[in-house]
Amino acid sequence: MTNRELEMLNNPRPNETHNWLVYEKSPYLQQHCTNPINWYPWGTAAFQKAQRESKAVFLSIGYS
């Protein structure tokens, strides 16, 4: 697990105005980094956090 993934597991958001998509390379994902939903990128941290909190994973495949 990367340092960023560990940070995602231990902190609800990277800062007050952005969710975890702020660090993604994809312009599509970055345009959603200020959404009020606390999006996590696809990866180990998202699934471990969901499991630890007994929550389902909501997967968004985008929209047009």
N, C-alpha and C. Protein backbone atom coordinates (compact mmCIF):
# COMPACT_ATOMS: atom_id res chain seq x y z
N MET A 1 0.85 -1.17 0.00
CA MET A 1 0.00 0.00 0.00
C MET A 1 0.90 1.24 0.00
N THR A 2 0.51 2.22 -0.79
CA THR A 2 1.31 3.44 -0.89
C THR A 2 1.04 4.37 0.30
N ASN A 3 1.91 5.35 0.46
CA ASN A 3 1.71 6.35 1.53
C ASN A 3 0.39 7.10 1.33
N ARG A 4 0.05 7.39 0.09
CA ARG A 4 -1.20 8.10 -0.20
C ARG A 4 -2.39 7.24 0.22
N GLU A 5 -2.34 5.93 -0.07
CA GLU A 5 -3.44 5.04 0.31
C GLU A 5 -3.57 4.95 1.83
N LEU A 6 -2.46 4.94 2.52
CA LEU A 6 -2.50 4.94 3.99
C LEU A 6 -3.11 6.24 4.50
N GLU A 7 -2.77 7.35 3.85
CA GLU A 7 -3.34 8.64 4.23
C GLU A 7 -4.85 8.63 4.02
N MET A 8 -5.31 8.02 2.92
CA MET A 8 -6.74 7.95 2.63
C MET A 8 -7.48 7.15 3.70
N LEU A 9 -6.85 6.12 4.22
CA LEU A 9 -7.49 5.29 5.23
C LEU A 9 -7.63 6.02 6.56
N ASN A 10 -6.72 6.93 6.84
CA ASN A 10 -6.68 7.57 8.15
C ASN A 10 -7.24 8.99 8.19
N ASN A 11 -7.56 9.56 7.04
CA ASN A 11 -8.08 10.93 6.99
C ASN A 11 -9.33 10.96 6.12
N PRO A 12 -10.36 11.66 6.54
CA PRO A 12 -11.59 11.69 5.75
C PRO A 12 -11.45 12.41 4.41
N ARG A 13 -10.66 13.48 4.37
CA ARG A 13 -10.44 14.25 3.15
C ARG A 13 -9.02 14.80 3.19
N PRO A 14 -8.43 15.10 2.03
CA PRO A 14 -7.08 15.67 2.03
C PRO A 14 -7.05 17.10 2.58
N ASN A 15 -8.16 17.84 2.38
CA ASN A 15 -8.28 19.20 2.94
C ASN A 15 -9.77 19.56 2.97
N GLU A 16 -10.10 20.75 3.36
CA GLU A 16 -11.51 21.14 3.55
C GLU A 16 -12.30 21.31 2.25
N THR A 17 -11.61 21.55 1.15
CA THR A 17 -12.31 21.87 -0.10
C THR A 17 -12.23 20.80 -1.18
N HIS A 18 -11.42 19.78 -1.00
CA HIS A 18 -11.22 18.76 -2.03
C HIS A 18 -11.44 17.35 -1.49
N ASN A 19 -11.83 16.45 -2.38
CA ASN A 19 -11.87 15.03 -2.03
C ASN A 19 -10.60 14.38 -2.60
N TRP A 20 -10.52 13.07 -2.50
CA TRP A 20 -9.27 12.38 -2.88
C TRP A 20 -8.98 12.36 -4.38
N LEU A 21 -9.91 12.78 -5.20
CA LEU A 21 -9.65 12.82 -6.64
C LEU A 21 -8.70 13.95 -7.03
N VAL A 22 -8.42 14.85 -6.12
CA VAL A 22 -7.52 15.97 -6.40
C VAL A 22 -6.12 15.49 -6.82
N TYR A 23 -5.71 14.29 -6.43
CA TYR A 23 -4.38 13.77 -6.75
C TYR A 23 -4.35 12.90 -8.00
N GLU A 24 -5.48 12.70 -8.63
CA GLU A 24 -5.54 11.84 -9.81
C GLU A 24 -5.00 12.54 -11.05
N LYS A 25 -4.49 11.77 -12.00
CA LYS A 25 -3.93 12.34 -13.23
C LYS A 25 -5.00 12.62 -14.27
N SER A 26 -6.10 11.91 -14.21
CA SER A 26 -7.16 12.04 -15.20
C SER A 26 -7.88 13.39 -15.07
N PRO A 27 -7.96 14.16 -16.16
CA PRO A 27 -8.71 15.42 -16.12
C PRO A 27 -10.19 15.20 -15.76
N TYR A 28 -10.76 14.08 -16.21
CA TYR A 28 -12.16 13.79 -15.88
C TYR A 28 -12.33 13.64 -14.37
N LEU A 29 -11.45 12.89 -13.73
CA LEU A 29 -11.54 12.70 -12.29
C LEU A 29 -11.25 13.99 -11.55
N GLN A 30 -10.27 14.75 -12.00
CA GLN A 30 -9.91 16.00 -11.34
C GLN A 30 -11.05 17.02 -11.37
N GLN A 31 -11.88 16.99 -12.40
CA GLN A 31 -12.98 17.96 -12.45
C GLN A 31 -14.02 17.70 -11.37
N HIS A 32 -13.96 16.55 -10.72
CA HIS A 32 -14.89 16.21 -9.65
C HIS A 32 -14.25 16.30 -8.26
N CYS A 33 -13.06 16.84 -8.17
CA CYS A 33 -12.34 16.86 -6.89
C CYS A 33 -12.92 17.86 -5.88
N THR A 34 -13.77 18.77 -6.32
CA THR A 34 -14.39 19.71 -5.38
C THR A 34 -15.86 19.37 -5.11
N ASN A 35 -16.31 18.23 -5.59
CA ASN A 35 -17.69 17.80 -5.32
C ASN A 35 -17.87 17.59 -3.82
N PRO A 36 -19.09 17.78 -3.32
CA PRO A 36 -19.33 17.56 -1.90
C PRO A 36 -19.27 16.07 -1.51
N ILE A 37 -19.31 15.19 -2.50
CA ILE A 37 -19.18 13.75 -2.22
C ILE A 37 -17.70 13.44 -2.03
N ASN A 38 -17.40 12.68 -1.01
CA ASN A 38 -16.00 12.35 -0.73
C ASN A 38 -15.56 11.16 -1.58
N TRP A 39 -15.35 11.40 -2.87
CA TRP A 39 -14.95 10.34 -3.80
C TRP A 39 -13.55 9.85 -3.48
N TYR A 40 -13.36 8.55 -3.66
CA TYR A 40 -12.05 7.92 -3.57
C TYR A 40 -11.74 7.31 -4.92
N PRO A 41 -10.49 7.33 -5.37
CA PRO A 41 -10.17 6.65 -6.61
C PRO A 41 -10.25 5.14 -6.41
N TRP A 42 -10.44 4.43 -7.51
CA TRP A 42 -10.48 2.97 -7.48
C TRP A 42 -9.15 2.46 -6.93
N GLY A 43 -9.20 1.65 -5.89
CA GLY A 43 -7.96 1.11 -5.35
C GLY A 43 -8.14 0.47 -3.99
N THR A 44 -7.06 -0.03 -3.46
CA THR A 44 -7.03 -0.75 -2.20
C THR A 44 -7.61 0.07 -1.05
N ALA A 45 -7.24 1.32 -0.95
CA ALA A 45 -7.69 2.15 0.17
C ALA A 45 -9.21 2.27 0.19
N ALA A 46 -9.83 2.46 -0.96
CA ALA A 46 -11.29 2.60 -1.02
C ALA A 46 -11.97 1.33 -0.51
N PHE A 47 -11.47 0.18 -0.93
CA PHE A 47 -12.09 -1.08 -0.54
C PHE A 47 -11.82 -1.42 0.92
N GLN A 48 -10.63 -1.13 1.39
CA GLN A 48 -10.33 -1.39 2.80
C GLN A 48 -11.16 -0.48 3.71
N LYS A 49 -11.31 0.77 3.32
CA LYS A 49 -12.11 1.70 4.11
C LYS A 49 -13.57 1.25 4.15
N ALA A 50 -14.11 0.85 3.02
CA ALA A 50 -15.49 0.37 2.96
C ALA A 50 -15.67 -0.87 3.84
N GLN A 51 -14.73 -1.77 3.77
CA GLN A 51 -14.82 -2.98 4.59
C GLN A 51 -14.72 -2.65 6.07
N ARG A 52 -13.78 -1.80 6.44
CA ARG A 52 -13.58 -1.41 7.84
C ARG A 52 -14.82 -0.73 8.41
N GLU A 53 -15.52 0.05 7.58
CA GLU A 53 -16.70 0.78 8.03
C GLU A 53 -18.00 0.05 7.72
N SER A 54 -17.90 -1.16 7.19
CA SER A 54 -19.08 -1.97 6.81
C SER A 54 -20.02 -1.20 5.90
N LYS A 55 -19.44 -0.59 4.88
CA LYS A 55 -20.21 0.19 3.91
C LYS A 55 -20.07 -0.41 2.52
N ALA A 56 -21.08 -0.22 1.72
CA ALA A 56 -21.03 -0.65 0.33
C ALA A 56 -20.16 0.30 -0.48
N VAL A 57 -19.67 -0.16 -1.60
CA VAL A 57 -18.90 0.68 -2.51
C VAL A 57 -19.84 1.17 -3.60
N PHE A 58 -19.93 2.49 -3.76
CA PHE A 58 -20.73 3.09 -4.82
C PHE A 58 -19.79 3.40 -5.96
N LEU A 59 -20.01 2.78 -7.10
CA LEU A 59 -19.14 2.92 -8.25
C LEU A 59 -19.79 3.82 -9.29
N SER A 60 -19.11 4.90 -9.62
CA SER A 60 -19.58 5.79 -10.66
C SER A 60 -18.74 5.55 -11.91
N ILE A 61 -19.42 5.30 -13.03
CA ILE A 61 -18.69 5.09 -14.28
C ILE A 61 -18.77 6.30 -15.19
N GLY A 62 -19.21 7.40 -14.61
CA GLY A 62 -19.28 8.65 -15.36
C GLY A 62 -20.66 8.86 -15.95
N TYR A 63 -20.81 9.97 -16.60
CA TYR A 63 -22.09 10.32 -17.21
C TYR A 63 -21.82 11.32 -18.32
N SER A 64 -22.81 11.54 -19.14
CA SER A 64 -22.63 12.51 -20.22
C SER A 64 -23.71 13.55 -20.20
